[in-house]
Amino acid sequence: LAAMILAACPVLGVWIGSLIFETDEVVEITRYFPPAVNFFFLLFAVGGISGLTGTLIDRRGFAVAVIAGILIASMVLNFVEPFRELAEKIRFIGLMSYFRPVDVIREGTWPVMEMTVLFLIGGVCWLHGLWFFCRKDIPTA
């Protein structure tokens, strides 16, 4: 639920901003729906990776460090991609390569392939995390 609210906030902000401020360009609010849905799937994938990592690693600090490392590596790969050929070849590894809101708004199309990949990553990680959690021996005292 929190991911849905967080993904809807940019669309709501653009809509409120278009009501308050006058612009020379016409703001088509429907062009902002695809990036919001794509952002929700990105949050779903990050949540799944976090859940899986949290169930596999017993130390909370180390689990957070692993997740932060994955996200930072993904952002660095996204940043370096235009400048290095190798980064362009392995860009599919990073989560941020599946979230390009500016391109989506400019083209006005739904990024179905990217959303599918993020949904599959999130779904597989969530299901494996739940499976490992159900089989985990949790001491009570």
C-alpha atoms as a PDB file:
ATOM      1  CA  LEU A   1       0.000   0.000   0.000  1.00  0.00           C
ATOM      2  CA  ALA A   2       2.829   2.381   0.844  1.00  0.00           C
ATOM      3  CA  ALA A   3       4.466   1.702  -2.527  1.00  0.00           C
ATOM      4  CA  MET A   4       1.222   2.580  -4.320  1.00  0.00           C
ATOM      5  CA  ILE A   5       0.907   5.844  -2.407  1.00  0.00           C
ATOM      6  CA  LEU A   6       4.563   6.696  -3.013  1.00  0.00           C
ATOM      7  CA  ALA A   7       4.256   5.905  -6.740  1.00  0.00           C
ATOM      8  CA  ALA A   8       1.123   8.064  -7.046  1.00  0.00           C
ATOM      9  CA  CYS A   9       2.658  11.129  -5.367  1.00  0.00           C
ATOM     10  CA  PRO A  10       4.511  12.458  -8.458  1.00  0.00           C
ATOM     11  CA  VAL A  11       1.352  12.265 -10.566  1.00  0.00           C
ATOM     12  CA  LEU A  12      -0.616  14.012  -7.831  1.00  0.00           C
ATOM     13  CA  GLY A  13       2.103  16.671  -7.551  1.00  0.00           C
ATOM     14  CA  VAL A  14       2.098  17.339 -11.293  1.00  0.00           C
ATOM     15  CA  TRP A  15      -1.692  17.573 -11.298  1.00  0.00           C
ATOM     16  CA  ILE A  16      -1.778  20.006  -8.342  1.00  0.00           C
ATOM     17  CA  GLY A  17       1.062  22.018  -9.856  1.00  0.00           C
ATOM     18  CA  SER A  18      -0.767  22.277 -13.172  1.00  0.00           C
ATOM     19  CA  LEU A  19      -3.827  23.624 -11.343  1.00  0.00           C
ATOM     20  CA  ILE A  20      -1.879  26.217  -9.360  1.00  0.00           C
ATOM     21  CA  PHE A  21       0.661  27.419 -11.936  1.00  0.00           C
ATOM     22  CA  GLU A  22      -0.045  28.401 -15.504  1.00  0.00           C
ATOM     23  CA  THR A  23       2.362  27.154 -18.168  1.00  0.00           C
ATOM     24  CA  ASP A  24       2.769  27.778 -21.871  1.00  0.00           C
ATOM     25  CA  GLU A  25       2.643  24.047 -22.543  1.00  0.00           C
ATOM     26  CA  VAL A  26      -0.411  21.906 -21.988  1.00  0.00           C
ATOM     27  CA  VAL A  27       0.261  19.342 -19.256  1.00  0.00           C
ATOM     28  CA  GLU A  28      -1.144  15.970 -20.235  1.00  0.00           C
ATOM     29  CA  ILE A  29      -1.578  14.205 -16.903  1.00  0.00           C
ATOM     30  CA  THR A  30      -2.113  10.853 -18.622  1.00  0.00           C
ATOM     31  CA  ARG A  31       1.515  10.883 -19.808  1.00  0.00           C
ATOM     32  CA  TYR A  32       2.597  10.620 -16.157  1.00  0.00           C
ATOM     33  CA  PHE A  33       0.691   7.397 -15.398  1.00  0.00           C
ATOM     34  CA  PRO A  34       3.140   4.966 -17.089  1.00  0.00           C
ATOM     35  CA  PRO A  35       6.197   6.192 -15.113  1.00  0.00           C
ATOM     36  CA  ALA A  36       4.162   6.013 -11.883  1.00  0.00           C
ATOM     37  CA  VAL A  37       3.184   2.401 -12.545  1.00  0.00           C
ATOM     38  CA  ASN A  38       6.758   1.611 -13.567  1.00  0.00           C
ATOM     39  CA  PHE A  39       7.960   3.198 -10.314  1.00  0.00           C
ATOM     40  CA  PHE A  40       5.550   0.994  -8.373  1.00  0.00           C
ATOM     41  CA  PHE A  41       7.044  -2.097 -10.007  1.00  0.00           C
ATOM     42  CA  LEU A  42      10.552  -0.815  -9.186  1.00  0.00           C
ATOM     43  CA  LEU A  43       9.505  -0.460  -5.536  1.00  0.00           C
ATOM     44  CA  PHE A  44       7.953  -3.940  -5.690  1.00  0.00           C
ATOM     45  CA  ALA A  45      11.241  -5.390  -6.974  1.00  0.00           C
ATOM     46  CA  VAL A  46      13.334  -3.567  -4.357  1.00  0.00           C
ATOM     47  CA  GLY A  47      10.935  -4.743  -1.635  1.00  0.00           C
ATOM     48  CA  GLY A  48      11.212  -8.325  -2.875  1.00  0.00           C
ATOM     49  CA  ILE A  49      15.000  -8.190  -2.919  1.00  0.00           C
ATOM     50  CA  SER A  50      14.938  -6.676   0.572  1.00  0.00           C
ATOM     51  CA  GLY A  51      12.612  -9.381   1.874  1.00  0.00           C
ATOM     52  CA  LEU A  52      14.701 -12.161   0.378  1.00  0.00           C
ATOM     53  CA  THR A  53      17.943 -10.681   1.668  1.00  0.00           C
ATOM     54  CA  GLY A  54      16.442 -10.155   5.118  1.00  0.00           C
ATOM     55  CA  THR A  55      15.421 -13.806   5.384  1.00  0.00           C
ATOM     56  CA  LEU A  56      18.714 -15.180   4.080  1.00  0.00           C
ATOM     57  CA  ILE A  57      21.021 -13.051   6.248  1.00  0.00           C
ATOM     58  CA  ASP A  58      20.743 -13.186  10.036  1.00  0.00           C
ATOM     59  CA  ARG A  59      22.517  -9.895  10.710  1.00  0.00           C
ATOM     60  CA  ARG A  60      20.257  -6.901  10.148  1.00  0.00           C
ATOM     61  CA  GLY A  61      23.061  -4.424   9.460  1.00  0.00           C
ATOM     62  CA  PHE A  62      24.724  -6.703   6.926  1.00  0.00           C
ATOM     63  CA  ALA A  63      21.388  -7.314   5.157  1.00  0.00           C
ATOM     64  CA  VAL A  64      20.802  -3.561   4.856  1.00  0.00           C
ATOM     65  CA  ALA A  65      24.363  -3.118   3.572  1.00  0.00           C
ATOM     66  CA  VAL A  66      23.817  -5.775   0.894  1.00  0.00           C
ATOM     67  CA  ILE A  67      20.584  -4.128  -0.281  1.00  0.00           C
ATOM     68  CA  ALA A  68      22.163  -0.669  -0.263  1.00  0.00           C
ATOM     69  CA  GLY A  69      25.134  -2.069  -2.190  1.00  0.00           C
ATOM     70  CA  ILE A  70      22.834  -3.552  -4.836  1.00  0.00           C
ATOM     71  CA  LEU A  71      20.981  -0.249  -5.249  1.00  0.00           C
ATOM     72  CA  ILE A  72      24.155   1.862  -5.329  1.00  0.00           C
ATOM     73  CA  ALA A  73      25.774  -0.499  -7.854  1.00  0.00           C
ATOM     74  CA  SER A  74      22.642  -0.260  -9.984  1.00  0.00           C
ATOM     75  CA  MET A  75      22.725   3.535  -9.883  1.00  0.00           C
ATOM     76  CA  VAL A  76      26.452   3.666 -10.688  1.00  0.00           C
ATOM     77  CA  LEU A  77      25.925   1.285 -13.608  1.00  0.00           C
ATOM     78  CA  ASN A  78      23.089   3.493 -14.842  1.00  0.00           C
ATOM     79  CA  PHE A  79      25.332   6.561 -14.583  1.00  0.00           C
ATOM     80  CA  VAL A  80      28.377   4.993 -16.271  1.00  0.00           C
ATOM     81  CA  GLU A  81      26.399   3.284 -19.057  1.00  0.00           C
ATOM     82  CA  PRO A  82      26.532   6.148 -21.615  1.00  0.00           C
ATOM     83  CA  PHE A  83      30.299   6.471 -21.233  1.00  0.00           C
ATOM     84  CA  ARG A  84      31.543   2.858 -21.208  1.00  0.00           C
ATOM     85  CA  GLU A  85      30.899   0.082 -23.700  1.00  0.00           C
ATOM     86  CA  LEU A  86      31.158  -2.650 -21.086  1.00  0.00           C
ATOM     87  CA  ALA A  87      28.545  -0.971 -18.897  1.00  0.00           C
ATOM     88  CA  GLU A  88      26.206  -0.818 -21.884  1.00  0.00           C
ATOM     89  CA  LYS A  89      26.577  -4.574 -22.413  1.00  0.00           C
ATOM     90  CA  ILE A  90      25.786  -5.456 -18.771  1.00  0.00           C
ATOM     91  CA  ARG A  91      23.175  -2.770 -18.086  1.00  0.00           C
ATOM     92  CA  PHE A  92      20.429  -5.384 -17.802  1.00  0.00           C
ATOM     93  CA  ILE A  93      21.888  -6.380 -14.417  1.00  0.00           C
ATOM     94  CA  GLY A  94      20.968  -3.063 -12.777  1.00  0.00           C
ATOM     95  CA  LEU A  95      17.445  -2.312 -11.605  1.00  0.00           C
ATOM     96  CA  MET A  96      17.626   1.295 -12.725  1.00  0.00           C
ATOM     97  CA  SER A  97      17.941   0.294 -16.379  1.00  0.00           C
ATOM     98  CA  TYR A  98      14.294  -0.769 -16.178  1.00  0.00           C
ATOM     99  CA  PHE A  99      13.139   2.601 -14.822  1.00  0.00           C
ATOM    100  CA  ARG A 100      13.561   5.506 -17.262  1.00  0.00           C
ATOM    101  CA  PRO A 101      10.741   7.961 -16.534  1.00  0.00           C
ATOM    102  CA  VAL A 102      11.948  10.773 -18.805  1.00  0.00           C
ATOM    103  CA  ASP A 103      12.056   8.498 -21.855  1.00  0.00           C
ATOM    104  CA  VAL A 104       8.606   7.128 -21.033  1.00  0.00           C
ATOM    105  CA  ILE A 105       7.070  10.606 -20.653  1.00  0.00           C
ATOM    106  CA  ARG A 106       8.750  11.824 -23.841  1.00  0.00           C
ATOM    107  CA  GLU A 107       7.590   8.846 -25.909  1.00  0.00           C
ATOM    108  CA  GLY A 108       4.186   8.546 -24.252  1.00  0.00           C
ATOM    109  CA  THR A 109       4.257   4.739 -24.307  1.00  0.00           C
ATOM    110  CA  TRP A 110       3.874   2.133 -21.594  1.00  0.00           C
ATOM    111  CA  PRO A 111       7.151   0.330 -20.776  1.00  0.00           C
ATOM    112  CA  VAL A 112       5.535  -3.113 -20.700  1.00  0.00           C
ATOM    113  CA  MET A 113       8.788  -5.081 -21.044  1.00  0.00           C
ATOM    114  CA  GLU A 114      10.497  -3.162 -18.241  1.00  0.00           C
ATOM    115  CA  MET A 115       7.488  -3.480 -15.946  1.00  0.00           C
ATOM    116  CA  THR A 116       7.300  -7.211 -16.658  1.00  0.00           C
ATOM    117  CA  VAL A 117      10.964  -7.697 -15.779  1.00  0.00           C
ATOM    118  CA  LEU A 118      10.600  -5.726 -12.542  1.00  0.00           C
ATOM    119  CA  PHE A 119       7.420  -7.642 -11.653  1.00  0.00           C
ATOM    120  CA  LEU A 120       9.153 -10.980 -12.246  1.00  0.00           C
ATOM    121  CA  ILE A 121      12.201  -9.966 -10.198  1.00  0.00           C
ATOM    122  CA  GLY A 122       9.968  -8.765  -7.367  1.00  0.00           C
ATOM    123  CA  GLY A 123       7.627 -11.760  -7.516  1.00  0.00           C
ATOM    124  CA  VAL A 124      10.411 -14.344  -7.543  1.00  0.00           C
ATOM    125  CA  CYS A 125      12.230 -12.609  -4.687  1.00  0.00           C
ATOM    126  CA  TRP A 126       9.042 -12.189  -2.627  1.00  0.00           C
ATOM    127  CA  LEU A 127       8.045 -15.839  -3.092  1.00  0.00           C
ATOM    128  CA  HIS A 128      11.527 -17.161  -2.311  1.00  0.00           C
ATOM    129  CA  GLY A 129      11.781 -14.846   0.692  1.00  0.00           C
ATOM    130  CA  LEU A 130       8.443 -16.099   2.025  1.00  0.00           C
ATOM    131  CA  TRP A 131       9.441 -19.700   1.355  1.00  0.00           C
ATOM    132  CA  PHE A 132      12.740 -19.309   3.238  1.00  0.00           C
ATOM    133  CA  PHE A 133      11.027 -17.416   6.066  1.00  0.00           C
ATOM    134  CA  CYS A 134       8.432 -20.164   6.564  1.00  0.00           C
ATOM    135  CA  ARG A 135      11.206 -22.756   6.894  1.00  0.00           C
ATOM    136  CA  LYS A 136      13.408 -20.645   9.127  1.00  0.00           C
ATOM    137  CA  ASP A 137      13.922 -21.778  12.719  1.00  0.00           C
ATOM    138  CA  ILE A 138      13.251 -18.686  14.821  1.00  0.00           C
ATOM    139  CA  PRO A 139      14.265 -19.008  18.473  1.00  0.00           C
ATOM    140  CA  THR A 140      11.667 -17.644  20.869  1.00  0.00           C
ATOM    141  CA  ALA A 141      13.911 -16.607  23.700  1.00  0.00           C
END
